[in-house]
């Protein structure tokens, strides 16, 4: 077991100089780096969507023309019209 710990410590010390630029970029605050990464990913996907819409625009929504129905004749409740005798 101590050999495994020594190997992992040596591996960490060997990789640490390679990871130093990443630490400067914000890995000391992983939540902030994750937020920045998510905003960058969102911006990239939004731009890709706009490029895709320019290359192959979406089809216009298809709607049939409204049907023209003639107006109905008025139906009065009274025999002689609205002012007729009751």
PDB file of N, CA and C in Angstrom:
ATOM      1  N   UNK A   1       0.813  -1.198   0.000  1.00  0.00           N
ATOM      2  CA  UNK A   1       0.000   0.000   0.000  1.00  0.00           C
ATOM      3  C   UNK A   1       0.860   1.267   0.000  1.00  0.00           C
ATOM      4  N   UNK A   2       1.902   1.344   0.806  1.00  0.00           N
ATOM      5  CA  UNK A   2       2.726   2.558   0.765  1.00  0.00           C
ATOM      6  C   UNK A   2       3.364   2.770  -0.609  1.00  0.00           C
ATOM      7  N   UNK A   3       3.623   1.683  -1.332  1.00  0.00           N
ATOM      8  CA  UNK A   3       4.205   1.833  -2.667  1.00  0.00           C
ATOM      9  C   UNK A   3       3.217   2.536  -3.601  1.00  0.00           C
ATOM     10  N   UNK A   4       1.931   2.192  -3.475  1.00  0.00           N
ATOM     11  CA  UNK A   4       0.923   2.827  -4.313  1.00  0.00           C
ATOM     12  C   UNK A   4       0.829   4.315  -3.988  1.00  0.00           C
ATOM     13  N   UNK A   5       0.900   4.663  -2.725  1.00  0.00           N
ATOM     14  CA  UNK A   5       0.834   6.069  -2.323  1.00  0.00           C
ATOM     15  C   UNK A   5       2.042   6.812  -2.864  1.00  0.00           C
ATOM     16  N   UNK A   6       3.208   6.196  -2.772  1.00  0.00           N
ATOM     17  CA  UNK A   6       4.414   6.845  -3.305  1.00  0.00           C
ATOM     18  C   UNK A   6       4.298   7.042  -4.818  1.00  0.00           C
ATOM     19  N   UNK A   7       3.755   6.051  -5.516  1.00  0.00           N
ATOM     20  CA  UNK A   7       3.598   6.180  -6.969  1.00  0.00           C
ATOM     21  C   UNK A   7       2.636   7.313  -7.322  1.00  0.00           C
ATOM     22  N   UNK A   8       1.530   7.418  -6.571  1.00  0.00           N
ATOM     23  CA  UNK A   8       0.570   8.472  -6.875  1.00  0.00           C
ATOM     24  C   UNK A   8       1.144   9.841  -6.570  1.00  0.00           C
ATOM     25  N   UNK A   9       1.944   9.947  -5.513  1.00  0.00           N
ATOM     26  CA  UNK A   9       2.578  11.231  -5.182  1.00  0.00           C
ATOM     27  C   UNK A   9       3.586  11.602  -6.261  1.00  0.00           C
ATOM     28  N   UNK A  10       4.333  10.636  -6.727  1.00  0.00           N
ATOM     29  CA  UNK A  10       5.306  10.916  -7.782  1.00  0.00           C
ATOM     30  C   UNK A  10       4.599  11.307  -9.085  1.00  0.00           C
ATOM     31  N   UNK A  11       3.502  10.634  -9.379  1.00  0.00           N
ATOM     32  CA  UNK A  11       2.748  10.972 -10.587  1.00  0.00           C
ATOM     33  C   UNK A  11       2.173  12.386 -10.474  1.00  0.00           C
ATOM     34  N   UNK A  12       1.706  12.734  -9.284  1.00  0.00           N
ATOM     35  CA  UNK A  12       1.166  14.078  -9.091  1.00  0.00           C
ATOM     36  C   UNK A  12       2.253  15.131  -9.290  1.00  0.00           C
ATOM     37  N   UNK A  13       3.431  14.879  -8.731  1.00  0.00           N
ATOM     38  CA  UNK A  13       4.530  15.836  -8.875  1.00  0.00           C
ATOM     39  C   UNK A  13       5.020  15.899 -10.330  1.00  0.00           C
ATOM     40  N   UNK A  14       4.879  14.818 -11.071  1.00  0.00           N
ATOM     41  CA  UNK A  14       5.307  14.828 -12.464  1.00  0.00           C
ATOM     42  C   UNK A  14       4.325  15.602 -13.343  1.00  0.00           C
ATOM     43  N   UNK A  15       3.033  15.550 -13.017  1.00  0.00           N
ATOM     44  CA  UNK A  15       2.009  16.182 -13.831  1.00  0.00           C
ATOM     45  C   UNK A  15       1.758  17.630 -13.409  1.00  0.00           C
ATOM     46  N   UNK A  16       2.117  17.989 -12.195  1.00  0.00           N
ATOM     47  CA  UNK A  16       1.824  19.325 -11.667  1.00  0.00           C
ATOM     48  C   UNK A  16       2.371  20.453 -12.541  1.00  0.00           C
ATOM     49  N   UNK A  17       3.607  20.383 -13.062  1.00  0.00           N
ATOM     50  CA  UNK A  17       4.063  21.489 -13.907  1.00  0.00           C
ATOM     51  C   UNK A  17       3.253  21.621 -15.207  1.00  0.00           C
ATOM     52  N   UNK A  18       2.694  20.507 -15.685  1.00  0.00           N
ATOM     53  CA  UNK A  18       1.887  20.565 -16.900  1.00  0.00           C
ATOM     54  C   UNK A  18       0.520  21.212 -16.646  1.00  0.00           C
ATOM     55  N   UNK A  19       0.019  21.084 -15.414  1.00  0.00           N
ATOM     56  CA  UNK A  19      -1.288  21.620 -15.081  1.00  0.00           C
ATOM     57  C   UNK A  19      -1.233  23.062 -14.587  1.00  0.00           C
ATOM     58  N   UNK A  20      -0.045  23.616 -14.431  1.00  0.00           N
ATOM     59  CA  UNK A  20       0.091  24.979 -13.913  1.00  0.00           C
ATOM     60  C   UNK A  20      -0.634  26.019 -14.773  1.00  0.00           C
ATOM     61  N   UNK A  21      -0.581  25.952 -16.120  1.00  0.00           N
ATOM     62  CA  UNK A  21      -1.356  26.940 -16.900  1.00  0.00           C
ATOM     63  C   UNK A  21      -2.863  26.825 -16.671  1.00  0.00           C
ATOM     64  N   UNK A  22      -3.358  25.617 -16.431  1.00  0.00           N
ATOM     65  CA  UNK A  22      -4.785  25.448 -16.178  1.00  0.00           C
ATOM     66  C   UNK A  22      -5.182  26.039 -14.831  1.00  0.00           C
ATOM     67  N   UNK A  23      -4.283  25.971 -13.869  1.00  0.00           N
ATOM     68  CA  UNK A  23      -4.567  26.557 -12.565  1.00  0.00           C
ATOM     69  C   UNK A  23      -4.676  28.065 -12.704  1.00  0.00           C
ATOM     70  N   UNK A  24      -3.846  28.644 -13.555  1.00  0.00           N
ATOM     71  CA  UNK A  24      -3.906  30.090 -13.773  1.00  0.00           C
ATOM     72  C   UNK A  24      -5.205  30.482 -14.471  1.00  0.00           C
ATOM     73  N   UNK A  25      -5.800  29.575 -15.250  1.00  0.00           N
ATOM     74  CA  UNK A  25      -7.035  29.893 -15.971  1.00  0.00           C
ATOM     75  C   UNK A  25      -8.279  29.846 -15.084  1.00  0.00           C
ATOM     76  N   UNK A  26      -8.165  29.345 -13.904  1.00  0.00           N
ATOM     77  CA  UNK A  26      -9.317  29.377 -13.016  1.00  0.00           C
ATOM     78  C   UNK A  26      -9.686  28.065 -12.382  1.00  0.00           C
ATOM     79  N   UNK A  27      -8.830  27.091 -12.396  1.00  0.00           N
ATOM     80  CA  UNK A  27      -9.172  25.830 -11.752  1.00  0.00           C
ATOM     81  C   UNK A  27      -9.115  25.920 -10.232  1.00  0.00           C
ATOM     82  N   UNK A  28      -8.644  27.028  -9.712  1.00  0.00           N
ATOM     83  CA  UNK A  28      -8.695  27.187  -8.262  1.00  0.00           C
ATOM     84  C   UNK A  28     -10.120  27.480  -7.830  1.00  0.00           C
ATOM     85  N   UNK A  29     -10.938  27.968  -8.746  1.00  0.00           N
ATOM     86  CA  UNK A  29     -12.358  28.194  -8.477  1.00  0.00           C
ATOM     87  C   UNK A  29     -13.154  27.370  -9.487  1.00  0.00           C
ATOM     88  N   UNK A  30     -13.346  26.103  -9.208  1.00  0.00           N
ATOM     89  CA  UNK A  30     -13.960  25.222 -10.208  1.00  0.00           C
ATOM     90  C   UNK A  30     -15.397  25.611 -10.556  1.00  0.00           C
ATOM     91  N   UNK A  31     -16.150  26.170  -9.608  1.00  0.00           N
ATOM     92  CA  UNK A  31     -17.526  26.555  -9.925  1.00  0.00           C
ATOM     93  C   UNK A  31     -17.542  27.709 -10.923  1.00  0.00           C
ATOM     94  N   UNK A  32     -16.675  28.687 -10.719  1.00  0.00           N
ATOM     95  CA  UNK A  32     -16.587  29.805 -11.656  1.00  0.00           C
ATOM     96  C   UNK A  32     -16.135  29.346 -13.032  1.00  0.00           C
ATOM     97  N   UNK A  33     -15.169  28.440 -13.061  1.00  0.00           N
ATOM     98  CA  UNK A  33     -14.700  27.916 -14.343  1.00  0.00           C
ATOM     99  C   UNK A  33     -15.813  27.143 -15.041  1.00  0.00           C
ATOM    100  N   UNK A  34     -16.624  26.416 -14.267  1.00  0.00           N
ATOM    101  CA  UNK A  34     -17.732  25.668 -14.860  1.00  0.00           C
ATOM    102  C   UNK A  34     -18.786  26.614 -15.433  1.00  0.00           C
ATOM    103  N   UNK A  35     -19.060  27.711 -14.734  1.00  0.00           N
ATOM    104  CA  UNK A  35     -20.032  28.686 -15.232  1.00  0.00           C
ATOM    105  C   UNK A  35     -19.532  29.309 -16.533  1.00  0.00           C
ATOM    106  N   UNK A  36     -18.263  29.682 -16.563  1.00  0.00           N
ATOM    107  CA  UNK A  36     -17.687  30.268 -17.781  1.00  0.00           C
ATOM    108  C   UNK A  36     -17.720  29.254 -18.919  1.00  0.00           C
ATOM    109  N   UNK A  37     -17.417  28.008 -18.617  1.00  0.00           N
ATOM    110  CA  UNK A  37     -17.457  26.960 -19.631  1.00  0.00           C
ATOM    111  C   UNK A  37     -18.875  26.767 -20.165  1.00  0.00           C
ATOM    112  N   UNK A  38     -19.882  26.817 -19.301  1.00  0.00           N
ATOM    113  CA  UNK A  38     -21.259  26.642 -19.753  1.00  0.00           C
ATOM    114  C   UNK A  38     -21.695  27.822 -20.629  1.00  0.00           C
ATOM    115  N   UNK A  39     -21.303  29.056 -20.262  1.00  0.00           N
ATOM    116  CA  UNK A  39     -21.636  30.207 -21.104  1.00  0.00           C
ATOM    117  C   UNK A  39     -20.956  30.094 -22.465  1.00  0.00           C
ATOM    118  N   UNK A  40     -19.715  29.644 -22.476  1.00  0.00           N
ATOM    119  CA  UNK A  40     -19.009  29.489 -23.748  1.00  0.00           C
ATOM    120  C   UNK A  40     -19.686  28.413 -24.601  1.00  0.00           C
ATOM    121  N   UNK A  41     -20.094  27.329 -23.994  1.00  0.00           N
ATOM    122  CA  UNK A  41     -20.772  26.262 -24.725  1.00  0.00           C
ATOM    123  C   UNK A  41     -22.121  26.744 -25.262  1.00  0.00           C
ATOM    124  N   UNK A  42     -22.856  27.510 -24.460  1.00  0.00           N
ATOM    125  CA  UNK A  42     -24.138  28.057 -24.911  1.00  0.00           C
ATOM    126  C   UNK A  42     -23.935  28.994 -26.098  1.00  0.00           C
ATOM    127  N   UNK A  43     -22.930  29.863 -26.007  1.00  0.00           N
ATOM    128  CA  UNK A  43     -22.661  30.797 -27.106  1.00  0.00           C
ATOM    129  C   UNK A  43     -22.280  30.037 -28.378  1.00  0.00           C
ATOM    130  N   UNK A  44     -21.474  29.006 -28.235  1.00  0.00           N
ATOM    131  CA  UNK A  44     -21.070  28.209 -29.389  1.00  0.00           C
ATOM    132  C   UNK A  44     -22.272  27.531 -30.036  1.00  0.00           C
ATOM    133  N   UNK A  45     -23.163  26.961 -29.225  1.00  0.00           N
ATOM    134  CA  UNK A  45     -24.334  26.297 -29.779  1.00  0.00           C
ATOM    135  C   UNK A  45     -25.315  27.296 -30.394  1.00  0.00           C
ATOM    136  N   UNK A  46     -25.444  28.479 -29.801  1.00  0.00           N
ATOM    137  CA  UNK A  46     -26.326  29.500 -30.371  1.00  0.00           C
ATOM    138  C   UNK A  46     -25.800  29.959 -31.730  1.00  0.00           C
ATOM    139  N   UNK A  47     -24.497  30.166 -31.824  1.00  0.00           N
ATOM    140  CA  UNK A  47     -23.917  30.576 -33.106  1.00  0.00           C
ATOM    141  C   UNK A  47     -24.056  29.462 -34.142  1.00  0.00           C
ATOM    142  N   UNK A  48     -23.886  28.216 -33.722  1.00  0.00           N
ATOM    143  CA  UNK A  48     -24.046  27.100 -34.658  1.00  0.00           C
ATOM    144  C   UNK A  48     -25.480  27.025 -35.167  1.00  0.00           C
ATOM    145  N   UNK A  49     -26.451  27.306 -34.301  1.00  0.00           N
ATOM    146  CA  UNK A  49     -27.847  27.311 -34.735  1.00  0.00           C
ATOM    147  C   UNK A  49     -28.120  28.408 -35.745  1.00  0.00           C
ATOM    148  N   UNK A  50     -27.537  29.587 -35.531  1.00  0.00           N
ATOM    149  CA  UNK A  50     -27.741  30.678 -36.488  1.00  0.00           C
ATOM    150  C   UNK A  50     -27.098  30.362 -37.832  1.00  0.00           C
ATOM    151  N   UNK A  51     -25.923  29.758 -37.799  1.00  0.00           N
ATOM    152  CA  UNK A  51     -25.260  29.386 -39.057  1.00  0.00           C
ATOM    153  C   UNK A  51     -26.095  28.334 -39.785  1.00  0.00           C
ATOM    154  N   UNK A  52     -26.626  27.379 -39.034  1.00  0.00           N
ATOM    155  CA  UNK A  52     -27.450  26.337 -39.654  1.00  0.00           C
ATOM    156  C   UNK A  52     -28.715  26.931 -40.257  1.00  0.00           C
ATOM    157  N   UNK A  53     -29.309  27.936 -39.599  1.00  0.00           N
ATOM    158  CA  UNK A  53     -30.512  28.568 -40.153  1.00  0.00           C
ATOM    159  C   UNK A  53     -30.197  29.356 -41.413  1.00  0.00           C
ATOM    160  N   UNK A  54     -29.006  29.919 -41.510  1.00  0.00           N
ATOM    161  CA  UNK A  54     -28.642  30.638 -42.735  1.00  0.00           C
ATOM    162  C   UNK A  54     -28.351  29.675 -43.874  1.00  0.00           C
ATOM    163  N   UNK A  55     -27.723  28.554 -43.572  1.00  0.00           N
ATOM    164  CA  UNK A  55     -27.388  27.588 -44.616  1.00  0.00           C
ATOM    165  C   UNK A  55     -28.646  26.888 -45.112  1.00  0.00           C
ATOM    166  N   UNK A  56     -29.488  26.442 -44.192  1.00  0.00           N
ATOM    167  CA  UNK A  56     -30.712  25.727 -44.545  1.00  0.00           C
ATOM    168  C   UNK A  56     -31.856  26.311 -43.729  1.00  0.00           C
ATOM    169  N   UNK A  57     -32.492  27.384 -44.227  1.00  0.00           N
ATOM    170  CA  UNK A  57     -33.520  28.044 -43.414  1.00  0.00           C
ATOM    171  C   UNK A  57     -34.717  27.131 -43.186  1.00  0.00           C
ATOM    172  N   UNK A  58     -35.386  27.305 -42.044  1.00  0.00           N
ATOM    173  CA  UNK A  58     -36.558  26.470 -41.781  1.00  0.00           C
ATOM    174  C   UNK A  58     -37.695  26.823 -42.735  1.00  0.00           C
ATOM    175  N   UNK A  59     -38.525  25.821 -43.038  1.00  0.00           N
ATOM    176  CA  UNK A  59     -39.649  26.052 -43.933  1.00  0.00           C
ATOM    177  C   UNK A  59     -40.661  26.958 -43.264  1.00  0.00           C
ATOM    178  N   UNK A  60     -41.309  27.826 -44.048  1.00  0.00           N
ATOM    179  CA  UNK A  60     -42.359  28.649 -43.444  1.00  0.00           C
ATOM    180  C   UNK A  60     -43.520  27.766 -43.005  1.00  0.00           C
ATOM    181  N   UNK A  61     -44.183  28.212 -41.983  1.00  0.00           N
ATOM    182  CA  UNK A  61     -45.289  27.427 -41.462  1.00  0.00           C
ATOM    183  C   UNK A  61     -46.404  27.389 -42.510  1.00  0.00           C
ATOM    184  N   UNK A  62     -46.915  26.198 -42.777  1.00  0.00           N
ATOM    185  CA  UNK A  62     -47.935  26.037 -43.798  1.00  0.00           C
ATOM    186  C   UNK A  62     -49.306  26.188 -43.158  1.00  0.00           C
ATOM    187  N   UNK A  63     -50.059  27.102 -43.687  1.00  0.00           N
ATOM    188  CA  UNK A  63     -51.431  27.271 -43.235  1.00  0.00           C
ATOM    189  C   UNK A  63     -52.326  27.355 -44.460  1.00  0.00           C
ATOM    190  N   UNK A  64     -53.450  26.656 -44.462  1.00  0.00           N
ATOM    191  CA  UNK A  64     -54.360  26.751 -45.615  1.00  0.00           C
ATOM    192  C   UNK A  64     -55.027  28.123 -45.630  1.00  0.00           C
ATOM    193  N   UNK A  65     -55.443  28.537 -46.799  1.00  0.00           N
ATOM    194  CA  UNK A  65     -56.178  29.793 -46.929  1.00  0.00           C
ATOM    195  C   UNK A  65     -57.514  29.667 -46.198  1.00  0.00           C
ATOM    196  N   UNK A  66     -57.947  30.740 -45.570  1.00  0.00           N
ATOM    197  CA  UNK A  66     -59.243  30.647 -44.871  1.00  0.00           C
ATOM    198  C   UNK A  66     -60.379  30.398 -45.866  1.00  0.00           C
ATOM    199  N   UNK A  67     -61.322  29.610 -45.453  1.00  0.00           N
ATOM    200  CA  UNK A  67     -62.467  29.289 -46.308  1.00  0.00           C
ATOM    201  C   UNK A  67     -63.469  30.427 -46.209  1.00  0.00           C
ATOM    202  N   UNK A  68     -63.884  30.922 -47.355  1.00  0.00           N
ATOM    203  CA  UNK A  68     -64.861  32.009 -47.366  1.00  0.00           C
ATOM    204  C   UNK A  68     -66.258  31.404 -47.359  1.00  0.00           C
ATOM    205  N   UNK A  69     -66.946  31.640 -46.287  1.00  0.00           N
ATOM    206  CA  UNK A  69     -68.309  31.129 -46.135  1.00  0.00           C
ATOM    207  C   UNK A  69     -69.251  32.312 -46.259  1.00  0.00           C
ATOM    208  N   UNK A  70     -70.274  32.211 -47.119  1.00  0.00           N
ATOM    209  CA  UNK A  70     -71.205  33.343 -47.241  1.00  0.00           C
ATOM    210  C   UNK A  70     -71.955  33.568 -45.926  1.00  0.00           C
ATOM    211  N   UNK A  71     -72.267  34.818 -45.667  1.00  0.00           N
ATOM    212  CA  UNK A  71     -72.996  35.152 -44.441  1.00  0.00           C
ATOM    213  C   UNK A  71     -74.395  34.562 -44.484  1.00  0.00           C
ATOM    214  N   UNK A  72     -74.882  34.123 -43.350  1.00  0.00           N
ATOM    215  CA  UNK A  72     -76.223  33.561 -43.280  1.00  0.00           C
ATOM    216  C   UNK A  72     -77.253  34.681 -43.307  1.00  0.00           C
ATOM    217  N   UNK A  73     -78.396  34.335 -43.831  1.00  0.00           N
ATOM    218  CA  UNK A  73     -79.501  35.285 -43.768  1.00  0.00           C
ATOM    219  C   UNK A  73     -79.933  35.418 -42.313  1.00  0.00           C
ATOM    220  N   UNK A  74     -80.389  36.616 -41.958  1.00  0.00           N
ATOM    221  CA  UNK A  74     -80.821  36.821 -40.585  1.00  0.00           C
ATOM    222  C   UNK A  74     -82.130  36.074 -40.343  1.00  0.00           C
ATOM    223  N   UNK A  75     -82.180  35.505 -39.215  1.00  0.00           N
ATOM    224  CA  UNK A  75     -83.402  34.809 -38.827  1.00  0.00           C
ATOM    225  C   UNK A  75     -84.007  35.602 -37.683  1.00  0.00           C
ATOM    226  N   UNK A  76     -85.216  36.113 -37.923  1.00  0.00           N
ATOM    227  CA  UNK A  76     -85.861  36.929 -36.906  1.00  0.00           C
ATOM    228  C   UNK A  76     -86.780  36.062 -36.060  1.00  0.00           C
ATOM    229  N   UNK A  77     -86.923  36.451 -34.826  1.00  0.00           N
ATOM    230  CA  UNK A  77     -87.806  35.699 -33.944  1.00  0.00           C
ATOM    231  C   UNK A  77     -89.272  35.982 -34.261  1.00  0.00           C
ATOM    232  N   UNK A  78     -89.504  37.134 -34.810  1.00  0.00           N
ATOM    233  CA  UNK A  78     -90.887  37.543 -35.056  1.00  0.00           C
ATOM    234  C   UNK A  78     -91.209  37.406 -36.538  1.00  0.00           C
ATOM    235  N   UNK A  79     -92.481  37.235 -36.863  1.00  0.00           N
ATOM    236  CA  UNK A  79     -92.892  37.025 -38.242  1.00  0.00           C
ATOM    237  C   UNK A  79     -92.575  38.204 -39.147  1.00  0.00           C
ATOM    238  N   UNK A  80     -92.821  39.376 -38.721  1.00  0.00           N
ATOM    239  CA  UNK A  80     -92.697  40.542 -39.578  1.00  0.00           C
ATOM    240  C   UNK A  80     -91.382  41.325 -39.333  1.00  0.00           C
ATOM    241  N   UNK A  81     -90.426  40.768 -38.763  1.00  0.00           N
ATOM    242  CA  UNK A  81     -89.181  41.481 -38.518  1.00  0.00           C
ATOM    243  C   UNK A  81     -89.107  42.021 -37.109  1.00  0.00           C
ATOM    244  N   UNK A  82     -88.020  42.786 -36.817  1.00  0.00           N
ATOM    245  CA  UNK A  82     -87.832  43.223 -35.441  1.00  0.00           C
ATOM    246  C   UNK A  82     -88.861  44.252 -34.987  1.00  0.00           C
ATOM    247  N   UNK A  83     -89.425  45.034 -35.916  1.00  0.00           N
ATOM    248  CA  UNK A  83     -90.377  46.065 -35.502  1.00  0.00           C
ATOM    249  C   UNK A  83     -91.821  45.660 -35.834  1.00  0.00           C
ATOM    250  N   UNK A  84     -91.995  44.459 -36.261  1.00  0.00           N
ATOM    251  CA  UNK A  84     -93.335  44.019 -36.633  1.00  0.00           C
ATOM    252  C   UNK A  84     -94.209  43.814 -35.404  1.00  0.00           C
ATOM    253  N   UNK A  85     -95.466  43.650 -35.664  1.00  0.00           N
ATOM    254  CA  UNK A  85     -96.414  43.467 -34.567  1.00  0.00           C
ATOM    255  C   UNK A  85     -96.267  42.106 -33.928  1.00  0.00           C
ATOM    256  N   UNK A  86     -96.566  42.076 -32.679  1.00  0.00           N
ATOM    257  CA  UNK A  86     -96.462  40.801 -31.950  1.00  0.00           C
ATOM    258  C   UNK A  86     -97.835  40.187 -31.896  1.00  0.00           C
TER     259      UNK A  86
END
